[in-house]
Amino acid sequence: MLQRWMWIAWPAFLMAGVLEILVFSMIDPQELLWFGRPVQLSREGIYTLSFFGFWLVTATSSALTTLLAQSPFEVNRCPLSASTRPAACPKQQSCSAEQTQTNCQ
C-alpha cells in the first residue's frame, strides 16, 4: 500500500515543482489579485501555497490514474478472510496455489 502511495505522491511532487517554475517564471507573485484585491502574502508565502495547490491537483490526477489502472481482480477482491466474509462478498473460498486469480471466485 505504501508503494502505491509513492506512485501517487512522488510524480505529483515533481510535477508540482515543474508547474511552480513554469507559472512563476511568467507571473510576478506580488501582482496577483484575489477578488480584485492584492494578495497580502510575501512572495515566499505565495510560492508555498501555490506549490501545495499544484501538488494537490497533480496528486489527484495521479490517484485517479492509479485507481483506473487496477485490474478487475484487485477491484473485486474481498479484503476479509474466508471465515468472516458476508454472503455478498464475491469470493467465497480461499484460493489455492494451483488456482489462478481468474479461476478463484
PDB file of N, CA and C in Angstrom:
ATOM      1  N   MET A   1       0.820  -1.194   0.000  1.00  0.00           N
ATOM      2  CA  MET A   1       0.000   0.000   0.000  1.00  0.00           C
ATOM      3  C   MET A   1       0.865   1.259   0.000  1.00  0.00           C
ATOM      4  N   LEU A   2       1.963   1.218   0.760  1.00  0.00           N
ATOM      5  CA  LEU A   2       2.872   2.366   0.785  1.00  0.00           C
ATOM      6  C   LEU A   2       3.460   2.621  -0.598  1.00  0.00           C
ATOM      7  N   GLN A   3       3.748   1.543  -1.316  1.00  0.00           N
ATOM      8  CA  GLN A   3       4.290   1.693  -2.657  1.00  0.00           C
ATOM      9  C   GLN A   3       3.288   2.408  -3.566  1.00  0.00           C
ATOM     10  N   ARG A   4       2.037   2.073  -3.444  1.00  0.00           N
ATOM     11  CA  ARG A   4       1.009   2.727  -4.265  1.00  0.00           C
ATOM     12  C   ARG A   4       0.904   4.212  -3.929  1.00  0.00           C
ATOM     13  N   TRP A   5       1.029   4.563  -2.651  1.00  0.00           N
ATOM     14  CA  TRP A   5       1.007   5.980  -2.265  1.00  0.00           C
ATOM     15  C   TRP A   5       2.194   6.718  -2.860  1.00  0.00           C
ATOM     16  N   MET A   6       3.345   6.044  -2.920  1.00  0.00           N
ATOM     17  CA  MET A   6       4.518   6.685  -3.510  1.00  0.00           C
ATOM     18  C   MET A   6       4.356   6.837  -5.021  1.00  0.00           C
ATOM     19  N   TRP A   7       3.632   5.921  -5.662  1.00  0.00           N
ATOM     20  CA  TRP A   7       3.337   6.084  -7.085  1.00  0.00           C
ATOM     21  C   TRP A   7       2.515   7.340  -7.317  1.00  0.00           C
ATOM     22  N   ILE A   8       1.752   7.737  -6.335  1.00  0.00           N
ATOM     23  CA  ILE A   8       0.917   8.931  -6.443  1.00  0.00           C
ATOM     24  C   ILE A   8       1.697  10.178  -6.033  1.00  0.00           C
ATOM     25  N   ALA A   9       2.326  10.132  -4.871  1.00  0.00           N
ATOM     26  CA  ALA A   9       2.928  11.337  -4.280  1.00  0.00           C
ATOM     27  C   ALA A   9       4.191  11.804  -5.008  1.00  0.00           C
ATOM     28  N   TRP A  10       5.071  10.883  -5.386  1.00  0.00           N
ATOM     29  CA  TRP A  10       6.355  11.310  -5.949  1.00  0.00           C
ATOM     30  C   TRP A  10       6.212  11.990  -7.315  1.00  0.00           C
ATOM     31  N   PRO A  11       5.510  11.401  -8.295  1.00  0.00           N
ATOM     32  CA  PRO A  11       5.339  12.118  -9.571  1.00  0.00           C
ATOM     33  C   PRO A  11       4.573  13.430  -9.395  1.00  0.00           C
ATOM     34  N   ALA A  12       3.612  13.441  -8.479  1.00  0.00           N
ATOM     35  CA  ALA A  12       2.863  14.675  -8.230  1.00  0.00           C
ATOM     36  C   ALA A  12       3.783  15.753  -7.661  1.00  0.00           C
ATOM     37  N   PHE A  13       4.689  15.372  -6.770  1.00  0.00           N
ATOM     38  CA  PHE A  13       5.649  16.313  -6.192  1.00  0.00           C
ATOM     39  C   PHE A  13       6.545  16.900  -7.280  1.00  0.00           C
ATOM     40  N   LEU A  14       7.045  16.024  -8.149  1.00  0.00           N
ATOM     41  CA  LEU A  14       7.919  16.500  -9.219  1.00  0.00           C
ATOM     42  C   LEU A  14       7.190  17.442 -10.170  1.00  0.00           C
ATOM     43  N   MET A  15       5.975  17.089 -10.541  1.00  0.00           N
ATOM     44  CA  MET A  15       5.228  17.943 -11.465  1.00  0.00           C
ATOM     45  C   MET A  15       4.790  19.248 -10.812  1.00  0.00           C
ATOM     46  N   ALA A  16       4.537  19.229  -9.509  1.00  0.00           N
ATOM     47  CA  ALA A  16       4.217  20.477  -8.810  1.00  0.00           C
ATOM     48  C   ALA A  16       5.409  21.425  -8.869  1.00  0.00           C
ATOM     49  N   GLY A  17       6.620  20.879  -8.722  1.00  0.00           N
ATOM     50  CA  GLY A  17       7.817  21.711  -8.851  1.00  0.00           C
ATOM     51  C   GLY A  17       7.965  22.288 -10.245  1.00  0.00           C
ATOM     52  N   VAL A  18       7.699  21.469 -11.262  1.00  0.00           N
ATOM     53  CA  VAL A  18       7.785  21.948 -12.647  1.00  0.00           C
ATOM     54  C   VAL A  18       6.736  23.036 -12.897  1.00  0.00           C
ATOM     55  N   LEU A  19       5.511  22.806 -12.439  1.00  0.00           N
ATOM     56  CA  LEU A  19       4.457  23.816 -12.606  1.00  0.00           C
ATOM     57  C   LEU A  19       4.810  25.117 -11.891  1.00  0.00           C
ATOM     58  N   GLU A  20       5.381  24.999 -10.712  1.00  0.00           N
ATOM     59  CA  GLU A  20       5.799  26.180  -9.950  1.00  0.00           C
ATOM     60  C   GLU A  20       6.795  27.009 -10.763  1.00  0.00           C
ATOM     61  N   ILE A  21       7.774  26.334 -11.334  1.00  0.00           N
ATOM     62  CA  ILE A  21       8.786  27.027 -12.137  1.00  0.00           C
ATOM     63  C   ILE A  21       8.156  27.667 -13.372  1.00  0.00           C
ATOM     64  N   LEU A  22       7.313  26.924 -14.077  1.00  0.00           N
ATOM     65  CA  LEU A  22       6.693  27.456 -15.290  1.00  0.00           C
ATOM     66  C   LEU A  22       5.777  28.648 -15.008  1.00  0.00           C
ATOM     67  N   VAL A  23       4.939  28.518 -14.002  1.00  0.00           N
ATOM     68  CA  VAL A  23       3.980  29.588 -13.714  1.00  0.00           C
ATOM     69  C   VAL A  23       4.692  30.851 -13.230  1.00  0.00           C
ATOM     70  N   PHE A  24       5.600  30.700 -12.287  1.00  0.00           N
ATOM     71  CA  PHE A  24       6.203  31.892 -11.699  1.00  0.00           C
ATOM     72  C   PHE A  24       7.403  32.408 -12.480  1.00  0.00           C
ATOM     73  N   SER A  25       7.733  31.757 -13.583  1.00  0.00           N
ATOM     74  CA  SER A  25       8.692  32.371 -14.493  1.00  0.00           C
ATOM     75  C   SER A  25       8.005  33.409 -15.372  1.00  0.00           C
ATOM     76  N   MET A  26       6.671  33.348 -15.426  1.00  0.00           N
ATOM     77  CA  MET A  26       5.909  34.302 -16.237  1.00  0.00           C
ATOM     78  C   MET A  26       5.055  35.257 -15.414  1.00  0.00           C
ATOM     79  N   ILE A  27       4.812  34.938 -14.142  1.00  0.00           N
ATOM     80  CA  ILE A  27       3.919  35.748 -13.305  1.00  0.00           C
ATOM     81  C   ILE A  27       4.678  36.206 -12.064  1.00  0.00           C
ATOM     82  N   ASP A  28       4.553  37.483 -11.755  1.00  0.00           N
ATOM     83  CA  ASP A  28       5.140  38.014 -10.524  1.00  0.00           C
ATOM     84  C   ASP A  28       4.123  37.830  -9.392  1.00  0.00           C
ATOM     85  N   PRO A  29       4.482  37.125  -8.319  1.00  0.00           N
ATOM     86  CA  PRO A  29       3.519  36.876  -7.238  1.00  0.00           C
ATOM     87  C   PRO A  29       2.986  38.159  -6.577  1.00  0.00           C
ATOM     88  N   GLN A  30       3.749  39.237  -6.615  1.00  0.00           N
ATOM     89  CA  GLN A  30       3.296  40.486  -5.987  1.00  0.00           C
ATOM     90  C   GLN A  30       2.213  41.186  -6.809  1.00  0.00           C
ATOM     91  N   GLU A  31       2.018  40.780  -8.063  1.00  0.00           N
ATOM     92  CA  GLU A  31       0.997  41.388  -8.918  1.00  0.00           C
ATOM     93  C   GLU A  31      -0.301  40.582  -8.961  1.00  0.00           C
ATOM     94  N   LEU A  32      -0.385  39.510  -8.196  1.00  0.00           N
ATOM     95  CA  LEU A  32      -1.588  38.686  -8.180  1.00  0.00           C
ATOM     96  C   LEU A  32      -2.726  39.402  -7.448  1.00  0.00           C
ATOM     97  N   LEU A  33      -3.934  39.207  -7.954  1.00  0.00           N
ATOM     98  CA  LEU A  33      -5.129  39.766  -7.334  1.00  0.00           C
ATOM     99  C   LEU A  33      -6.044  38.627  -6.903  1.00  0.00           C
ATOM    100  N   TRP A  34      -6.667  38.775  -5.740  1.00  0.00           N
ATOM    101  CA  TRP A  34      -7.638  37.815  -5.231  1.00  0.00           C
ATOM    102  C   TRP A  34      -8.940  38.567  -5.025  1.00  0.00           C
ATOM    103  N   PHE A  35      -9.935  38.306  -5.859  1.00  0.00           N
ATOM    104  CA  PHE A  35     -11.221  39.015  -5.857  1.00  0.00           C
ATOM    105  C   PHE A  35     -11.003  40.518  -5.986  1.00  0.00           C
ATOM    106  N   GLY A  36     -10.087  40.906  -6.882  1.00  0.00           N
ATOM    107  CA  GLY A  36      -9.857  42.306  -7.177  1.00  0.00           C
ATOM    108  C   GLY A  36      -8.935  43.029  -6.216  1.00  0.00           C
ATOM    109  N   ARG A  37      -8.457  42.346  -5.220  1.00  0.00           N
ATOM    110  CA  ARG A  37      -7.554  42.970  -4.237  1.00  0.00           C
ATOM    111  C   ARG A  37      -6.197  42.274  -4.271  1.00  0.00           C
ATOM    112  N   PRO A  38      -5.133  43.020  -3.979  1.00  0.00           N
ATOM    113  CA  PRO A  38      -3.804  42.395  -3.945  1.00  0.00           C
ATOM    114  C   PRO A  38      -3.721  41.340  -2.831  1.00  0.00           C
ATOM    115  N   VAL A  39      -2.984  40.281  -3.094  1.00  0.00           N
ATOM    116  CA  VAL A  39      -2.796  39.220  -2.110  1.00  0.00           C
ATOM    117  C   VAL A  39      -1.836  39.732  -1.041  1.00  0.00           C
ATOM    118  N   GLN A  40      -2.222  39.607   0.219  1.00  0.00           N
ATOM    119  CA  GLN A  40      -1.428  40.136   1.331  1.00  0.00           C
ATOM    120  C   GLN A  40      -0.478  39.081   1.891  1.00  0.00           C
ATOM    121  N   LEU A  41       0.291  38.460   1.018  1.00  0.00           N
ATOM    122  CA  LEU A  41       1.279  37.462   1.430  1.00  0.00           C
ATOM    123  C   LEU A  41       2.626  37.826   0.825  1.00  0.00           C
ATOM    124  N   SER A  42       3.674  37.332   1.451  1.00  0.00           N
ATOM    125  CA  SER A  42       5.008  37.525   0.882  1.00  0.00           C
ATOM    126  C   SER A  42       5.156  36.648  -0.358  1.00  0.00           C
ATOM    127  N   ARG A  43       6.198  36.904  -1.121  1.00  0.00           N
ATOM    128  CA  ARG A  43       6.451  36.067  -2.296  1.00  0.00           C
ATOM    129  C   ARG A  43       6.614  34.607  -1.895  1.00  0.00           C
ATOM    130  N   GLU A  44       7.362  34.376  -0.813  1.00  0.00           N
ATOM    131  CA  GLU A  44       7.580  33.001  -0.366  1.00  0.00           C
ATOM    132  C   GLU A  44       6.268  32.331   0.043  1.00  0.00           C
ATOM    133  N   GLY A  45       5.374  33.098   0.665  1.00  0.00           N
ATOM    134  CA  GLY A  45       4.070  32.562   1.048  1.00  0.00           C
ATOM    135  C   GLY A  45       3.245  32.176  -0.162  1.00  0.00           C
ATOM    136  N   ILE A  46       3.274  33.014  -1.182  1.00  0.00           N
ATOM    137  CA  ILE A  46       2.539  32.716  -2.418  1.00  0.00           C
ATOM    138  C   ILE A  46       3.152  31.502  -3.109  1.00  0.00           C
ATOM    139  N   TYR A  47       4.494  31.442  -3.141  1.00  0.00           N
ATOM    140  CA  TYR A  47       5.157  30.282  -3.735  1.00  0.00           C
ATOM    141  C   TYR A  47       4.771  29.000  -2.994  1.00  0.00           C
ATOM    142  N   THR A  48       4.754  29.074  -1.679  1.00  0.00           N
ATOM    143  CA  THR A  48       4.442  27.889  -0.868  1.00  0.00           C
ATOM    144  C   THR A  48       3.005  27.423  -1.079  1.00  0.00           C
ATOM    145  N   LEU A  49       2.053  28.344  -0.976  1.00  0.00           N
ATOM    146  CA  LEU A  49       0.651  27.968  -1.178  1.00  0.00           C
ATOM    147  C   LEU A  49       0.405  27.451  -2.593  1.00  0.00           C
ATOM    148  N   SER A  50       1.041  28.078  -3.551  1.00  0.00           N
ATOM    149  CA  SER A  50       0.881  27.621  -4.938  1.00  0.00           C
ATOM    150  C   SER A  50       1.459  26.232  -5.126  1.00  0.00           C
ATOM    151  N   PHE A  51       2.622  25.980  -4.535  1.00  0.00           N
ATOM    152  CA  PHE A  51       3.229  24.653  -4.662  1.00  0.00           C
ATOM    153  C   PHE A  51       2.298  23.586  -4.097  1.00  0.00           C
ATOM    154  N   PHE A  52       1.753  23.827  -2.909  1.00  0.00           N
ATOM    155  CA  PHE A  52       0.864  22.824  -2.316  1.00  0.00           C
ATOM    156  C   PHE A  52      -0.430  22.682  -3.112  1.00  0.00           C
ATOM    157  N   GLY A  53      -0.914  23.768  -3.697  1.00  0.00           N
ATOM    158  CA  GLY A  53      -2.080  23.680  -4.577  1.00  0.00           C
ATOM    159  C   GLY A  53      -1.788  22.861  -5.823  1.00  0.00           C
ATOM    160  N   PHE A  54      -0.631  23.119  -6.440  1.00  0.00           N
ATOM    161  CA  PHE A  54      -0.226  22.334  -7.603  1.00  0.00           C
ATOM    162  C   PHE A  54      -0.034  20.872  -7.233  1.00  0.00           C
ATOM    163  N   TRP A  55       0.544  20.634  -6.063  1.00  0.00           N
ATOM    164  CA  TRP A  55       0.780  19.257  -5.609  1.00  0.00           C
ATOM    165  C   TRP A  55      -0.553  18.539  -5.406  1.00  0.00           C
ATOM    166  N   LEU A  56      -1.532  19.215  -4.832  1.00  0.00           N
ATOM    167  CA  LEU A  56      -2.844  18.610  -4.616  1.00  0.00           C
ATOM    168  C   LEU A  56      -3.505  18.234  -5.944  1.00  0.00           C
ATOM    169  N   VAL A  57      -3.448  19.133  -6.906  1.00  0.00           N
ATOM    170  CA  VAL A  57      -4.080  18.870  -8.205  1.00  0.00           C
ATOM    171  C   VAL A  57      -3.384  17.716  -8.925  1.00  0.00           C
ATOM    172  N   THR A  58      -2.051  17.724  -8.938  1.00  0.00           N
ATOM    173  CA  THR A  58      -1.342  16.651  -9.632  1.00  0.00           C
ATOM    174  C   THR A  58      -1.444  15.328  -8.869  1.00  0.00           C
ATOM    175  N   ALA A  59      -1.549  15.362  -7.546  1.00  0.00           N
ATOM    176  CA  ALA A  59      -1.750  14.133  -6.775  1.00  0.00           C
ATOM    177  C   ALA A  59      -3.124  13.542  -7.061  1.00  0.00           C
ATOM    178  N   THR A  60      -4.114  14.386  -7.218  1.00  0.00           N
ATOM    179  CA  THR A  60      -5.448  13.906  -7.572  1.00  0.00           C
ATOM    180  C   THR A  60      -5.426  13.217  -8.932  1.00  0.00           C
ATOM    181  N   SER A  61      -4.713  13.801  -9.867  1.00  0.00           N
ATOM    182  CA  SER A  61      -4.580  13.191 -11.189  1.00  0.00           C
ATOM    183  C   SER A  61      -3.867  11.837 -11.099  1.00  0.00           C
ATOM    184  N   SER A  62      -2.794  11.767 -10.343  1.00  0.00           N
ATOM    185  CA  SER A  62      -2.066  10.509 -10.185  1.00  0.00           C
ATOM    186  C   SER A  62      -2.913   9.460  -9.470  1.00  0.00           C
ATOM    187  N   ALA A  63      -3.686   9.890  -8.480  1.00  0.00           N
ATOM    188  CA  ALA A  63      -4.548   8.955  -7.749  1.00  0.00           C
ATOM    189  C   ALA A  63      -5.623   8.369  -8.662  1.00  0.00           C
ATOM    190  N   LEU A  64      -6.206   9.208  -9.505  1.00  0.00           N
ATOM    191  CA  LEU A  64      -7.210   8.703 -10.442  1.00  0.00           C
ATOM    192  C   LEU A  64      -6.584   7.739 -11.445  1.00  0.00           C
ATOM    193  N   THR A  65      -5.376   8.041 -11.901  1.00  0.00           N
ATOM    194  CA  THR A  65      -4.683   7.139 -12.814  1.00  0.00           C
ATOM    195  C   THR A  65      -4.414   5.799 -12.144  1.00  0.00           C
ATOM    196  N   THR A  66      -3.970   5.818 -10.891  1.00  0.00           N
ATOM    197  CA  THR A  66      -3.698   4.586 -10.155  1.00  0.00           C
ATOM    198  C   THR A  66      -4.986   3.797  -9.941  1.00  0.00           C
ATOM    199  N   LEU A  67      -6.066   4.482  -9.626  1.00  0.00           N
ATOM    200  CA  LEU A  67      -7.352   3.815  -9.436  1.00  0.00           C
ATOM    201  C   LEU A  67      -7.820   3.149 -10.724  1.00  0.00           C
ATOM    202  N   LEU A  68      -7.709   3.855 -11.836  1.00  0.00           N
ATOM    203  CA  LEU A  68      -8.188   3.306 -13.101  1.00  0.00           C
ATOM    204  C   LEU A  68      -7.266   2.232 -13.666  1.00  0.00           C
ATOM    205  N   ALA A  69      -6.044   2.131 -13.172  1.00  0.00           N
ATOM    206  CA  ALA A  69      -5.100   1.122 -13.652  1.00  0.00           C
ATOM    207  C   ALA A  69      -5.255  -0.218 -12.923  1.00  0.00           C
ATOM    208  N   GLN A  70      -6.115  -0.282 -11.928  1.00  0.00           N
ATOM    209  CA  GLN A  70      -6.300  -1.534 -11.191  1.00  0.00           C
ATOM    210  C   GLN A  70      -6.993  -2.567 -12.062  1.00  0.00           C
ATOM    211  N   SER A  71      -6.623  -3.819 -11.856  1.00  0.00           N
ATOM    212  CA  SER A  71      -7.261  -4.913 -12.587  1.00  0.00           C
ATOM    213  C   SER A  71      -8.626  -5.212 -11.948  1.00  0.00           C
ATOM    214  N   PRO A  72      -9.496  -5.884 -12.671  1.00  0.00           N
ATOM    215  CA  PRO A  72     -10.790  -6.253 -12.088  1.00  0.00           C
ATOM    216  C   PRO A  72     -10.638  -7.117 -10.837  1.00  0.00           C
ATOM    217  N   PHE A  73      -9.607  -7.955 -10.794  1.00  0.00           N
ATOM    218  CA  PHE A  73      -9.388  -8.784  -9.620  1.00  0.00           C
ATOM    219  C   PHE A  73      -9.103  -7.919  -8.393  1.00  0.00           C
ATOM    220  N   GLU A  74      -8.279  -6.881  -8.561  1.00  0.00           N
ATOM    221  CA  GLU A  74      -7.970  -6.005  -7.431  1.00  0.00           C
ATOM    222  C   GLU A  74      -9.201  -5.239  -6.955  1.00  0.00           C
ATOM    223  N   VAL A  75     -10.021  -4.808  -7.888  1.00  0.00           N
ATOM    224  CA  VAL A  75     -11.211  -4.033  -7.535  1.00  0.00           C
ATOM    225  C   VAL A  75     -12.242  -4.907  -6.832  1.00  0.00           C
ATOM    226  N   ASN A  76     -12.442  -6.140  -7.304  1.00  0.00           N
ATOM    227  CA  ASN A  76     -13.490  -7.018  -6.776  1.00  0.00           C
ATOM    228  C   ASN A  76     -13.034  -7.904  -5.631  1.00  0.00           C
ATOM    229  N   ARG A  77     -11.773  -7.824  -5.258  1.00  0.00           N
ATOM    230  CA  ARG A  77     -11.235  -8.678  -4.199  1.00  0.00           C
ATOM    231  C   ARG A  77     -11.885  -8.330  -2.861  1.00  0.00           C
ATOM    232  N   CYS A  78     -12.288  -9.348  -2.145  1.00  0.00           N
ATOM    233  CA  CYS A  78     -12.865  -9.165  -0.811  1.00  0.00           C
ATOM    234  C   CYS A  78     -11.722  -9.141   0.204  1.00  0.00           C
ATOM    235  N   PRO A  79     -11.608  -8.094   1.012  1.00  0.00           N
ATOM    236  CA  PRO A  79     -10.484  -7.986   1.935  1.00  0.00           C
ATOM    237  C   PRO A  79     -10.614  -8.854   3.186  1.00  0.00           C
ATOM    238  N   LEU A  80     -11.744  -9.498   3.385  1.00  0.00           N
ATOM    239  CA  LEU A  80     -11.970 -10.290   4.591  1.00  0.00           C
ATOM    240  C   LEU A  80     -11.489 -11.722   4.405  1.00  0.00           C
ATOM    241  N   SER A  81     -11.167 -12.379   5.501  1.00  0.00           N
ATOM    242  CA  SER A  81     -10.764 -13.784   5.435  1.00  0.00           C
ATOM    243  C   SER A  81     -11.978 -14.640   5.071  1.00  0.00           C
ATOM    244  N   ALA A  82     -11.720 -15.872   4.611  1.00  0.00           N
ATOM    245  CA  ALA A  82     -12.801 -16.740   4.122  1.00  0.00           C
ATOM    246  C   ALA A  82     -13.862 -17.013   5.188  1.00  0.00           C
ATOM    247  N   SER A  83     -13.477 -17.099   6.453  1.00  0.00           N
ATOM    248  CA  SER A  83     -14.444 -17.418   7.506  1.00  0.00           C
ATOM    249  C   SER A  83     -15.313 -16.229   7.905  1.00  0.00           C
ATOM    250  N   THR A  84     -14.895 -15.017   7.633  1.00  0.00           N
ATOM    251  CA  THR A  84     -15.658 -13.838   8.061  1.00  0.00           C
ATOM    252  C   THR A  84     -16.322 -13.092   6.913  1.00  0.00           C
ATOM    253  N   ARG A  85     -16.308 -13.640   5.707  1.00  0.00           N
ATOM    254  CA  ARG A  85     -16.908 -12.958   4.559  1.00  0.00           C
ATOM    255  C   ARG A  85     -18.430 -13.014   4.618  1.00  0.00           C
ATOM    256  N   PRO A  86     -19.094 -11.914   4.279  1.00  0.00           N
ATOM    257  CA  PRO A  86     -20.559 -11.943   4.176  1.00  0.00           C
ATOM    258  C   PRO A  86     -20.968 -12.643   2.882  1.00  0.00           C
ATOM    259  N   ALA A  87     -22.226 -12.947   2.776  1.00  0.00           N
ATOM    260  CA  ALA A  87     -22.729 -13.657   1.596  1.00  0.00           C
ATOM    261  C   ALA A  87     -22.556 -12.840   0.324  1.00  0.00           C
ATOM    262  N   ALA A  88     -22.562 -11.521   0.417  1.00  0.00           N
ATOM    263  CA  ALA A  88     -22.459 -10.664  -0.764  1.00  0.00           C
ATOM    264  C   ALA A  88     -21.030 -10.527  -1.285  1.00  0.00           C
ATOM    265  N   CYS A  89     -20.069 -11.038  -0.547  1.00  0.00           N
ATOM    266  CA  CYS A  89     -18.667 -10.942  -0.973  1.00  0.00           C
ATOM    267  C   CYS A  89     -18.450 -11.879  -2.153  1.00  0.00           C
ATOM    268  N   PRO A  90     -17.875 -11.393  -3.278  1.00  0.00           N
ATOM    269  CA  PRO A  90     -17.804 -12.208  -4.481  1.00  0.00           C
ATOM    270  C   PRO A  90     -16.960 -13.467  -4.362  1.00  0.00           C
ATOM    271  N   LYS A  91     -15.926 -13.475  -3.576  1.00  0.00           N
ATOM    272  CA  LYS A  91     -15.063 -14.652  -3.478  1.00  0.00           C
ATOM    273  C   LYS A  91     -15.440 -15.418  -2.223  1.00  0.00           C
ATOM    274  N   GLN A  92     -15.981 -16.624  -2.359  1.00  0.00           N
ATOM    275  CA  GLN A  92     -16.485 -17.377  -1.218  1.00  0.00           C
ATOM    276  C   GLN A  92     -15.540 -18.476  -0.740  1.00  0.00           C
ATOM    277  N   GLN A  93     -14.429 -18.708  -1.422  1.00  0.00           N
ATOM    278  CA  GLN A  93     -13.481 -19.726  -0.996  1.00  0.00           C
ATOM    279  C   GLN A  93     -12.079 -19.161  -1.067  1.00  0.00           C
ATOM    280  N   SER A  94     -11.170 -19.783  -0.375  1.00  0.00           N
ATOM    281  CA  SER A  94      -9.781 -19.359  -0.416  1.00  0.00           C
ATOM    282  C   SER A  94      -9.127 -19.888  -1.679  1.00  0.00           C
ATOM    283  N   CYS A  95      -8.243 -19.109  -2.257  1.00  0.00           N
ATOM    284  CA  CYS A  95      -7.512 -19.535  -3.449  1.00  0.00           C
ATOM    285  C   CYS A  95      -6.380 -20.459  -3.039  1.00  0.00           C
ATOM    286  N   SER A  96      -6.241 -21.538  -3.764  1.00  0.00           N
ATOM    287  CA  SER A  96      -5.102 -22.426  -3.529  1.00  0.00           C
ATOM    288  C   SER A  96      -3.974 -22.020  -4.470  1.00  0.00           C
ATOM    289  N   ALA A  97      -2.805 -22.589  -4.270  1.00  0.00           N
ATOM    290  CA  ALA A  97      -1.643 -22.243  -5.082  1.00  0.00           C
ATOM    291  C   ALA A  97      -1.841 -22.656  -6.536  1.00  0.00           C
ATOM    292  N   GLU A  98      -2.629 -23.693  -6.798  1.00  0.00           N
ATOM    293  CA  GLU A  98      -2.811 -24.182  -8.148  1.00  0.00           C
ATOM    294  C   GLU A  98      -3.795 -23.320  -8.946  1.00  0.00           C
ATOM    295  N   GLN A  99      -4.717 -22.671  -8.250  1.00  0.00           N
ATOM    296  CA  GLN A  99      -5.732 -21.898  -8.929  1.00  0.00           C
ATOM    297  C   GLN A  99      -5.183 -20.539  -9.343  1.00  0.00           C
ATOM    298  N   THR A 100      -5.612 -20.051 -10.478  1.00  0.00           N
ATOM    299  CA  THR A 100      -5.215 -18.708 -10.921  1.00  0.00           C
ATOM    300  C   THR A 100      -6.193 -17.706 -10.337  1.00  0.00           C
ATOM    301  N   GLN A 101      -5.859 -16.451 -10.464  1.00  0.00           N
ATOM    302  CA  GLN A 101      -6.710 -15.403  -9.913  1.00  0.00           C
ATOM    303  C   GLN A 101      -8.072 -15.357 -10.627  1.00  0.00           C
ATOM    304  N   THR A 102      -8.089 -15.667 -11.890  1.00  0.00           N
ATOM    305  CA  THR A 102      -9.362 -15.616 -12.619  1.00  0.00           C
ATOM    306  C   THR A 102     -10.242 -16.815 -12.300  1.00  0.00           C
ATOM    307  N   ASN A 103      -9.655 -17.945 -11.899  1.00  0.00           N
ATOM    308  CA  ASN A 103     -10.434 -19.136 -11.583  1.00  0.00           C
ATOM    309  C   ASN A 103     -10.924 -19.159 -10.139  1.00  0.00           C
ATOM    310  N   CYS A 104     -10.329 -18.393  -9.282  1.00  0.00           N
ATOM    311  CA  CYS A 104     -10.689 -18.409  -7.865  1.00  0.00           C
ATOM    312  C   CYS A 104     -11.785 -17.403  -7.611  1.00  0.00           C
ATOM    313  N   GLN A 105     -13.008 -17.884  -7.393  1.00  0.00           N
ATOM    314  CA  GLN A 105     -14.128 -16.983  -7.139  1.00  0.00           C
ATOM    315  C   GLN A 105     -14.945 -17.483  -5.987  1.00  0.00           C
TER     316      GLN A 105
END
